N, C-alpha and C. Protein backbone atom coordinates (compact mmCIF):
# COMPACT_ATOMS: atom_id res chain seq x y z
N LYS A 1 -17.13 -12.67 39.90
CA LYS A 1 -16.73 -14.02 39.64
C LYS A 1 -15.24 -14.12 39.34
N TYR A 2 -14.75 -13.19 38.55
CA TYR A 2 -13.32 -13.19 38.19
C TYR A 2 -12.67 -12.00 38.86
N ASP A 3 -12.07 -12.20 40.01
CA ASP A 3 -11.51 -11.11 40.81
C ASP A 3 -10.35 -10.36 40.14
N ARG A 4 -9.58 -11.07 39.35
CA ARG A 4 -8.40 -10.46 38.78
C ARG A 4 -8.57 -9.99 37.35
N VAL A 5 -9.82 -10.00 36.87
CA VAL A 5 -10.08 -9.64 35.48
C VAL A 5 -10.89 -8.35 35.43
N ALA A 6 -10.45 -7.46 34.56
CA ALA A 6 -11.19 -6.19 34.34
C ALA A 6 -11.57 -6.10 32.88
N ARG A 7 -12.70 -5.54 32.62
CA ARG A 7 -13.16 -5.32 31.25
C ARG A 7 -12.74 -3.92 30.85
N LEU A 8 -11.89 -3.81 29.85
CA LEU A 8 -11.39 -2.53 29.36
C LEU A 8 -12.17 -2.13 28.12
N SER A 9 -12.45 -0.86 28.02
CA SER A 9 -13.02 -0.29 26.78
C SER A 9 -11.97 0.68 26.25
N ALA A 10 -11.64 0.52 24.99
CA ALA A 10 -10.59 1.34 24.40
C ALA A 10 -11.00 1.80 23.00
N HIS A 11 -10.30 2.80 22.51
CA HIS A 11 -10.55 3.29 21.16
C HIS A 11 -9.25 3.77 20.56
N THR A 12 -9.22 3.80 19.23
CA THR A 12 -8.04 4.28 18.54
C THR A 12 -7.89 5.77 18.72
N GLU A 13 -6.71 6.30 18.46
CA GLU A 13 -6.49 7.73 18.66
C GLU A 13 -7.43 8.57 17.83
N ASN A 14 -7.79 8.10 16.62
CA ASN A 14 -8.67 8.89 15.74
C ASN A 14 -10.14 8.56 15.99
N GLY A 15 -10.43 7.61 16.90
CA GLY A 15 -11.78 7.27 17.27
C GLY A 15 -12.55 6.37 16.28
N ASP A 16 -11.88 5.91 15.24
CA ASP A 16 -12.52 5.06 14.24
C ASP A 16 -12.86 3.67 14.75
N THR A 17 -12.10 3.14 15.68
CA THR A 17 -12.29 1.77 16.12
C THR A 17 -12.37 1.72 17.65
N SER A 18 -13.31 0.92 18.17
CA SER A 18 -13.40 0.74 19.60
C SER A 18 -13.27 -0.75 19.89
N LEU A 19 -12.87 -1.07 21.13
CA LEU A 19 -12.57 -2.44 21.48
C LEU A 19 -12.93 -2.65 22.95
N THR A 20 -13.53 -3.78 23.25
CA THR A 20 -13.78 -4.16 24.65
C THR A 20 -13.01 -5.46 24.86
N LEU A 21 -12.20 -5.50 25.92
CA LEU A 21 -11.28 -6.63 26.13
C LEU A 21 -11.20 -6.93 27.63
N ASP A 22 -11.26 -8.22 27.96
CA ASP A 22 -11.08 -8.67 29.33
C ASP A 22 -9.58 -8.94 29.55
N VAL A 23 -9.03 -8.33 30.61
CA VAL A 23 -7.60 -8.42 30.90
C VAL A 23 -7.38 -8.85 32.32
N ASN A 24 -6.43 -9.76 32.55
CA ASN A 24 -6.04 -10.18 33.89
C ASN A 24 -5.15 -9.05 34.44
N THR A 25 -5.73 -8.20 35.31
CA THR A 25 -5.01 -7.03 35.79
C THR A 25 -3.96 -7.34 36.82
N GLU A 26 -3.95 -8.55 37.34
CA GLU A 26 -2.84 -8.98 38.23
C GLU A 26 -1.58 -9.20 37.40
N LEU A 27 -1.76 -9.77 36.20
CA LEU A 27 -0.61 -10.02 35.33
C LEU A 27 -0.23 -8.78 34.50
N PHE A 28 -1.23 -8.00 34.17
CA PHE A 28 -0.99 -6.82 33.31
C PHE A 28 -1.79 -5.64 33.85
N PRO A 29 -1.27 -4.99 34.88
CA PRO A 29 -1.97 -3.84 35.48
C PRO A 29 -1.99 -2.65 34.52
N CYS A 30 -3.14 -2.03 34.38
CA CYS A 30 -3.25 -0.82 33.57
C CYS A 30 -4.34 0.05 34.17
N THR A 31 -4.25 1.33 33.89
CA THR A 31 -5.20 2.29 34.45
C THR A 31 -5.79 3.16 33.35
N ILE A 32 -6.83 3.87 33.70
CA ILE A 32 -7.49 4.77 32.75
C ILE A 32 -6.45 5.77 32.22
N GLY A 33 -6.46 5.93 30.91
CA GLY A 33 -5.51 6.84 30.26
C GLY A 33 -4.24 6.20 29.74
N ASP A 34 -3.96 4.95 30.16
CA ASP A 34 -2.78 4.26 29.61
C ASP A 34 -2.94 4.07 28.12
N ARG A 35 -1.84 4.16 27.41
CA ARG A 35 -1.83 3.88 25.97
C ARG A 35 -1.35 2.47 25.77
N LEU A 36 -2.10 1.70 25.00
CA LEU A 36 -1.75 0.30 24.74
C LEU A 36 -1.60 0.08 23.26
N GLN A 37 -0.70 -0.80 22.90
CA GLN A 37 -0.57 -1.23 21.50
C GLN A 37 -1.18 -2.61 21.42
N ILE A 38 -2.17 -2.78 20.57
CA ILE A 38 -2.92 -4.06 20.47
C ILE A 38 -2.80 -4.57 19.03
N LEU A 39 -2.58 -5.88 18.96
CA LEU A 39 -2.52 -6.55 17.67
C LEU A 39 -3.52 -7.66 17.66
N LEU A 40 -4.39 -7.72 16.66
CA LEU A 40 -5.28 -8.85 16.45
C LEU A 40 -4.68 -9.66 15.32
N ALA A 41 -4.44 -10.95 15.57
CA ALA A 41 -3.81 -11.78 14.57
C ALA A 41 -4.46 -13.14 14.51
N SER A 42 -4.45 -13.77 13.35
CA SER A 42 -5.01 -15.12 13.21
C SER A 42 -3.96 -16.18 13.46
N THR A 43 -2.72 -15.77 13.64
CA THR A 43 -1.65 -16.72 13.90
C THR A 43 -0.57 -16.04 14.74
N LEU A 44 0.20 -16.84 15.50
CA LEU A 44 1.32 -16.27 16.23
C LEU A 44 2.64 -16.49 15.51
N SER A 45 2.58 -17.18 14.38
CA SER A 45 3.80 -17.43 13.58
C SER A 45 4.28 -16.13 12.93
N LEU A 46 5.58 -15.93 13.02
CA LEU A 46 6.18 -14.72 12.46
C LEU A 46 6.00 -14.64 10.94
N ASP A 47 5.97 -15.80 10.30
CA ASP A 47 5.86 -15.80 8.82
C ASP A 47 4.41 -15.79 8.36
N GLY A 48 3.44 -15.77 9.31
CA GLY A 48 2.04 -15.72 8.97
C GLY A 48 1.43 -17.07 8.64
N SER A 49 2.20 -18.16 8.79
CA SER A 49 1.66 -19.48 8.50
C SER A 49 0.67 -19.89 9.57
N LYS A 50 -0.20 -20.83 9.18
CA LYS A 50 -1.27 -21.32 10.06
C LYS A 50 -0.67 -22.01 11.29
N ASP A 51 -1.30 -21.81 12.44
CA ASP A 51 -0.80 -22.41 13.67
C ASP A 51 -1.18 -23.89 13.84
N ASP A 52 -2.07 -24.40 12.98
CA ASP A 52 -2.49 -25.78 13.07
C ASP A 52 -3.00 -26.16 14.43
N GLY A 53 -3.75 -25.25 15.06
CA GLY A 53 -4.37 -25.52 16.35
C GLY A 53 -3.48 -25.34 17.55
N LYS A 54 -2.20 -24.97 17.32
CA LYS A 54 -1.30 -24.75 18.48
C LYS A 54 -1.66 -23.45 19.15
N GLY A 55 -1.67 -23.44 20.44
CA GLY A 55 -1.85 -22.22 21.21
C GLY A 55 -0.53 -21.59 21.56
N TRP A 56 -0.54 -20.43 22.15
CA TRP A 56 0.74 -19.77 22.44
C TRP A 56 1.57 -20.55 23.43
N ARG A 57 0.92 -21.34 24.30
CA ARG A 57 1.69 -22.15 25.24
C ARG A 57 2.32 -23.38 24.61
N ASP A 58 1.83 -23.78 23.46
CA ASP A 58 2.34 -24.98 22.78
C ASP A 58 3.59 -24.69 21.94
N ILE A 59 3.95 -23.46 21.82
CA ILE A 59 5.15 -23.12 21.04
C ILE A 59 6.38 -23.51 21.86
N GLY A 60 7.30 -24.19 21.20
CA GLY A 60 8.48 -24.70 21.90
C GLY A 60 9.37 -23.60 22.44
N ARG A 61 10.09 -23.90 23.48
CA ARG A 61 11.04 -22.93 24.06
C ARG A 61 12.08 -22.52 22.99
N GLY A 62 12.34 -21.26 22.93
CA GLY A 62 13.28 -20.77 21.94
C GLY A 62 12.71 -20.52 20.57
N GLU A 63 11.49 -21.01 20.33
CA GLU A 63 10.84 -20.79 19.05
C GLU A 63 10.21 -19.41 19.05
N ALA A 64 10.63 -18.56 18.13
CA ALA A 64 10.17 -17.17 18.10
C ALA A 64 8.73 -17.10 17.62
N SER A 65 7.96 -16.15 18.14
CA SER A 65 6.57 -15.94 17.73
C SER A 65 6.23 -14.47 17.91
N VAL A 66 5.09 -14.09 17.40
CA VAL A 66 4.60 -12.72 17.54
C VAL A 66 4.43 -12.38 19.02
N ALA A 67 4.09 -13.37 19.85
CA ALA A 67 3.90 -13.13 21.29
C ALA A 67 5.15 -12.58 21.97
N ASP A 68 6.31 -12.85 21.40
CA ASP A 68 7.55 -12.32 22.00
C ASP A 68 7.63 -10.80 21.97
N GLU A 69 6.86 -10.18 21.10
CA GLU A 69 6.88 -8.73 20.95
C GLU A 69 5.97 -7.98 21.92
N TYR A 70 5.20 -8.73 22.73
CA TYR A 70 4.19 -8.10 23.58
C TYR A 70 4.34 -8.53 25.05
N ASP A 71 3.92 -7.70 25.96
CA ASP A 71 3.98 -8.00 27.38
C ASP A 71 2.82 -8.88 27.83
N TYR A 72 1.71 -8.84 27.11
CA TYR A 72 0.52 -9.57 27.52
C TYR A 72 -0.14 -10.17 26.26
N VAL A 73 -0.49 -11.44 26.28
CA VAL A 73 -1.07 -12.11 25.12
C VAL A 73 -2.37 -12.78 25.53
N CYS A 74 -3.42 -12.48 24.77
CA CYS A 74 -4.70 -13.19 24.90
C CYS A 74 -4.81 -14.12 23.70
N HIS A 75 -5.26 -15.32 23.92
CA HIS A 75 -5.41 -16.28 22.85
C HIS A 75 -6.76 -16.94 22.97
N GLY A 76 -7.54 -16.89 21.95
CA GLY A 76 -8.88 -17.49 22.01
C GLY A 76 -9.80 -16.96 20.97
N LYS A 77 -11.07 -17.03 21.27
CA LYS A 77 -12.10 -16.63 20.32
C LYS A 77 -12.55 -15.18 20.52
N ILE A 78 -12.90 -14.56 19.41
CA ILE A 78 -13.54 -13.28 19.47
C ILE A 78 -15.02 -13.57 19.53
N TYR A 79 -15.71 -13.11 20.58
CA TYR A 79 -17.08 -13.47 20.79
C TYR A 79 -18.08 -12.61 20.03
N ARG A 80 -17.72 -11.38 19.74
CA ARG A 80 -18.63 -10.55 18.97
C ARG A 80 -17.82 -9.57 18.13
N PHE A 81 -18.18 -9.45 16.91
CA PHE A 81 -17.50 -8.54 15.98
C PHE A 81 -18.58 -7.79 15.22
N GLU A 82 -18.46 -6.48 15.19
CA GLU A 82 -19.44 -5.65 14.48
C GLU A 82 -18.74 -4.90 13.36
N GLU A 83 -19.24 -5.07 12.15
CA GLU A 83 -18.73 -4.31 11.02
C GLU A 83 -19.53 -3.07 10.80
N GLY A 84 -18.83 -2.04 10.35
CA GLY A 84 -19.53 -0.78 10.04
C GLY A 84 -19.94 -0.71 8.57
N ASP A 85 -20.44 0.44 8.19
CA ASP A 85 -20.78 0.63 6.76
C ASP A 85 -19.53 0.99 5.99
N ASP A 86 -19.67 1.48 4.75
CA ASP A 86 -18.52 1.78 3.92
C ASP A 86 -17.57 2.80 4.56
N GLU A 87 -18.12 3.75 5.31
CA GLU A 87 -17.28 4.78 5.94
C GLU A 87 -16.74 4.31 7.25
N ASN A 88 -17.40 3.37 7.92
CA ASN A 88 -16.98 2.89 9.26
C ASN A 88 -16.80 1.40 9.25
N MET A 89 -15.65 0.96 8.80
CA MET A 89 -15.37 -0.51 8.76
C MET A 89 -14.78 -0.97 10.04
């Protein structure tokens, strides 16, 4: 259905955290073994203030944001989140 989207499965170097993410591979090509830096954030504001419903496209030109630090930005809902026990958070 989505020709340009791939589902990536990734894990941290120490194996404590795993992540499944859909990525537009036409905009951000990556292959098995590539190392990626990923940030999960509740806001794109550099000062951590609430976005008040603004998406990354709604930020004015020249207005700095966390998105400026990354080559690829996903913005939206997390559909499933699993917490671990005390040893595996």
